[in-house]
Every structure is written in C-alpha cells, then in structure tokens.
Amino acid sequence: MSRCLHHNTLGCIAMCPGRCCLHLYFGNVGLRLLPHELRQWRATVAELCSHHALATLDAEERCISLPGPVDSQVFLFSLEELFLLHDLLVSAALLLEVEDILARTVRR
C-alpha cells in the first residue's frame, strides 16, 4: 500500500511500497513519477508559479498550461491549482530529503 507523503485540497502525493516511484494524484489525474522526474516537475512548476504569481490572472481561471509526460498531453491549471500542485511537489521532496538524511544518520 502506498504511503501518503502530503495531501491538500487538490490531491496527494504518495510513495509506492517498493520506494521506486511516487504517485501524484491531482484533480482527476494520477501520475507515476520517478525520483528524477519529481525534481524536474518541481522545477517546472516552481518556474510557472513565479512567472504567473504577479500576473493579473483570475486565480480560478484555468489558463496556465503544464506539459504532460508525453508531447501530445498538456495539463491546464488555475493559478490556485498550480500553487497547490507546487505545495504537493515541494512537500514530498522535503520529506524524502529528511528521510534520506535520517537513514544516513542511523546507518552511522
């Protein structure tokens, strides 16, 4: 059974039982992310957040696109949803980093 790392009103992000990948659920979409893909998505979403943060967008209008895992797929987000996705990705990355640090400390 997957272990939830973080959740918010948009969805959740969980670690698979074998620790090989993450399951990201947001809205009606679910993705499996490998560790290096988490870093890539986090960087992409952070860039989009900072780019659109000061824009005069309606916070609930879905007008921000994020490339999907394949070229023919695009996800549409409102600014509010984009910030919630960013929260999921950053929180998961921080928790995984803390777990790695703790695991190294215990092994010493």
C-alpha atoms as a PDB file:
ATOM      1  CA  MET A   1       0.000   0.000   0.000  1.00  0.00           C
ATOM      2  CA  SER A   2       1.305   3.453  -0.887  1.00  0.00           C
ATOM      3  CA  ARG A   3       2.328   5.797   1.930  1.00  0.00           C
ATOM      4  CA  CYS A   4       0.901   9.315   1.658  1.00  0.00           C
ATOM      5  CA  LEU A   5       3.649  11.924   1.939  1.00  0.00           C
ATOM      6  CA  HIS A   6       1.455  15.001   1.677  1.00  0.00           C
ATOM      7  CA  HIS A   7      -2.068  15.981   0.706  1.00  0.00           C
ATOM      8  CA  ASN A   8      -4.039  19.166   0.193  1.00  0.00           C
ATOM      9  CA  THR A   9      -7.343  20.180  -1.381  1.00  0.00           C
ATOM     10  CA  LEU A  10      -6.029  19.436  -4.908  1.00  0.00           C
ATOM     11  CA  GLY A  11      -4.778  15.893  -4.292  1.00  0.00           C
ATOM     12  CA  CYS A  12      -1.981  13.916  -2.710  1.00  0.00           C
ATOM     13  CA  ILE A  13       1.458  12.501  -3.343  1.00  0.00           C
ATOM     14  CA  ALA A  14       2.405   9.057  -2.082  1.00  0.00           C
ATOM     15  CA  MET A  15       5.453   6.789  -2.080  1.00  0.00           C
ATOM     16  CA  CYS A  16       4.916   3.346  -3.572  1.00  0.00           C
ATOM     17  CA  PRO A  17       5.580   0.396  -1.237  1.00  0.00           C
ATOM     18  CA  GLY A  18       8.815  -0.511  -3.036  1.00  0.00           C
ATOM     19  CA  ARG A  19      10.093   3.104  -2.807  1.00  0.00           C
ATOM     20  CA  CYS A  20      10.820   3.075  -6.556  1.00  0.00           C
ATOM     21  CA  CYS A  21       8.381   5.816  -7.539  1.00  0.00           C
ATOM     22  CA  LEU A  22       5.865   8.382  -6.378  1.00  0.00           C
ATOM     23  CA  HIS A  23       2.176   8.501  -7.163  1.00  0.00           C
ATOM     24  CA  LEU A  24       0.931  12.034  -7.733  1.00  0.00           C
ATOM     25  CA  TYR A  25      -2.836  12.487  -7.758  1.00  0.00           C
ATOM     26  CA  PHE A  26      -4.227  15.924  -8.576  1.00  0.00           C
ATOM     27  CA  GLY A  27      -7.767  16.608  -9.645  1.00  0.00           C
ATOM     28  CA  ASN A  28      -8.807  13.757 -11.934  1.00  0.00           C
ATOM     29  CA  VAL A  29      -5.244  12.873 -12.946  1.00  0.00           C
ATOM     30  CA  GLY A  30      -2.794  10.398 -11.489  1.00  0.00           C
ATOM     31  CA  LEU A  31       0.865  10.169 -12.466  1.00  0.00           C
ATOM     32  CA  ARG A  32       3.704   7.875 -11.536  1.00  0.00           C
ATOM     33  CA  LEU A  33       6.902   9.840 -11.067  1.00  0.00           C
ATOM     34  CA  LEU A  34      10.434   8.552 -10.721  1.00  0.00           C
ATOM     35  CA  PRO A  35      12.699  10.457  -8.301  1.00  0.00           C
ATOM     36  CA  HIS A  36      14.431  12.442 -11.064  1.00  0.00           C
ATOM     37  CA  GLU A  37      11.031  13.299 -12.566  1.00  0.00           C
ATOM     38  CA  LEU A  38       9.913  14.752  -9.222  1.00  0.00           C
ATOM     39  CA  ARG A  39      12.856  17.177  -9.382  1.00  0.00           C
ATOM     40  CA  GLN A  40      12.013  18.109 -12.981  1.00  0.00           C
ATOM     41  CA  TRP A  41       8.307  18.668 -12.260  1.00  0.00           C
ATOM     42  CA  ARG A  42       9.099  20.635  -9.120  1.00  0.00           C
ATOM     43  CA  ALA A  43      11.430  22.939 -11.061  1.00  0.00           C
ATOM     44  CA  THR A  44       8.945  23.382 -13.915  1.00  0.00           C
ATOM     45  CA  VAL A  45       6.025  24.109 -11.595  1.00  0.00           C
ATOM     46  CA  ALA A  46       8.136  26.492  -9.467  1.00  0.00           C
ATOM     47  CA  GLU A  47       9.098  28.403 -12.607  1.00  0.00           C
ATOM     48  CA  LEU A  48       5.455  28.643 -13.708  1.00  0.00           C
ATOM     49  CA  CYS A  49       4.398  29.786 -10.227  1.00  0.00           C
ATOM     50  CA  SER A  50       6.991  32.542 -10.085  1.00  0.00           C
ATOM     51  CA  HIS A  51       6.217  33.617 -13.651  1.00  0.00           C
ATOM     52  CA  HIS A  52       2.458  33.881 -13.053  1.00  0.00           C
ATOM     53  CA  ALA A  53       2.449  34.932  -9.385  1.00  0.00           C
ATOM     54  CA  LEU A  54       2.391  38.643 -10.118  1.00  0.00           C
ATOM     55  CA  ALA A  55       0.136  38.424 -13.165  1.00  0.00           C
ATOM     56  CA  THR A  56      -3.366  39.828 -13.018  1.00  0.00           C
ATOM     57  CA  LEU A  57      -4.973  36.439 -13.607  1.00  0.00           C
ATOM     58  CA  ASP A  58      -8.244  35.287 -12.178  1.00  0.00           C
ATOM     59  CA  ALA A  59      -6.975  32.812  -9.553  1.00  0.00           C
ATOM     60  CA  GLU A  60      -9.632  30.262 -10.560  1.00  0.00           C
ATOM     61  CA  GLU A  61      -9.426  30.508 -14.377  1.00  0.00           C
ATOM     62  CA  ARG A  62      -7.686  27.510 -15.937  1.00  0.00           C
ATOM     63  CA  CYS A  63      -5.332  29.361 -18.257  1.00  0.00           C
ATOM     64  CA  ILE A  64      -1.879  28.053 -17.272  1.00  0.00           C
ATOM     65  CA  SER A  65      -0.591  25.032 -19.169  1.00  0.00           C
ATOM     66  CA  LEU A  66       1.903  22.494 -17.938  1.00  0.00           C
ATOM     67  CA  PRO A  67       3.388  19.959 -20.368  1.00  0.00           C
ATOM     68  CA  GLY A  68       2.400  16.380 -19.608  1.00  0.00           C
ATOM     69  CA  PRO A  69       4.659  13.338 -19.654  1.00  0.00           C
ATOM     70  CA  VAL A  70       4.137  12.896 -23.396  1.00  0.00           C
ATOM     71  CA  ASP A  71       4.335  15.542 -26.118  1.00  0.00           C
ATOM     72  CA  SER A  72       0.653  15.330 -27.002  1.00  0.00           C
ATOM     73  CA  GLN A  73      -0.545  15.987 -23.443  1.00  0.00           C
ATOM     74  CA  VAL A  74      -0.976  19.280 -21.607  1.00  0.00           C
ATOM     75  CA  PHE A  75      -2.469  19.930 -18.178  1.00  0.00           C
ATOM     76  CA  LEU A  76      -4.431  23.132 -17.575  1.00  0.00           C
ATOM     77  CA  PHE A  77      -4.376  24.807 -14.180  1.00  0.00           C
ATOM     78  CA  SER A  78      -5.688  27.862 -12.489  1.00  0.00           C
ATOM     79  CA  LEU A  79      -3.126  29.857 -10.523  1.00  0.00           C
ATOM     80  CA  GLU A  80      -4.614  28.485  -7.297  1.00  0.00           C
ATOM     81  CA  GLU A  81      -4.345  24.887  -8.551  1.00  0.00           C
ATOM     82  CA  LEU A  82      -0.783  25.479  -9.715  1.00  0.00           C
ATOM     83  CA  PHE A  83       0.223  26.667  -6.231  1.00  0.00           C
ATOM     84  CA  LEU A  84      -1.453  23.595  -4.701  1.00  0.00           C
ATOM     85  CA  LEU A  85       0.444  21.316  -7.104  1.00  0.00           C
ATOM     86  CA  HIS A  86       3.651  23.125  -6.154  1.00  0.00           C
ATOM     87  CA  ASP A  87       2.821  22.508  -2.485  1.00  0.00           C
ATOM     88  CA  LEU A  88       2.453  18.769  -3.144  1.00  0.00           C
ATOM     89  CA  LEU A  89       5.748  18.521  -5.023  1.00  0.00           C
ATOM     90  CA  VAL A  90       7.800  20.629  -2.615  1.00  0.00           C
ATOM     91  CA  SER A  91       6.409  18.926   0.485  1.00  0.00           C
ATOM     92  CA  ALA A  92       7.106  15.455  -0.909  1.00  0.00           C
ATOM     93  CA  ALA A  93      10.642  16.415  -1.927  1.00  0.00           C
ATOM     94  CA  LEU A  94      11.373  17.845   1.522  1.00  0.00           C
ATOM     95  CA  LEU A  95      10.008  14.780   3.314  1.00  0.00           C
ATOM     96  CA  LEU A  96      12.032  12.440   1.112  1.00  0.00           C
ATOM     97  CA  GLU A  97      15.159  14.507   1.729  1.00  0.00           C
ATOM     98  CA  VAL A  98      14.617  14.365   5.500  1.00  0.00           C
ATOM     99  CA  GLU A  99      14.067  10.590   5.323  1.00  0.00           C
ATOM    100  CA  ASP A 100      17.352  10.178   3.421  1.00  0.00           C
ATOM    101  CA  ILE A 101      19.231  12.286   5.981  1.00  0.00           C
ATOM    102  CA  LEU A 102      17.740  10.297   8.863  1.00  0.00           C
ATOM    103  CA  ALA A 103      18.536   6.984   7.166  1.00  0.00           C
ATOM    104  CA  ARG A 104      22.183   8.032   6.690  1.00  0.00           C
ATOM    105  CA  THR A 105      22.383   9.131  10.339  1.00  0.00           C
ATOM    106  CA  VAL A 106      21.013   5.806  11.599  1.00  0.00           C
ATOM    107  CA  ARG A 107      23.486   3.815   9.479  1.00  0.00           C
ATOM    108  CA  ARG A 108      26.488   5.572  11.057  1.00  0.00           C
END
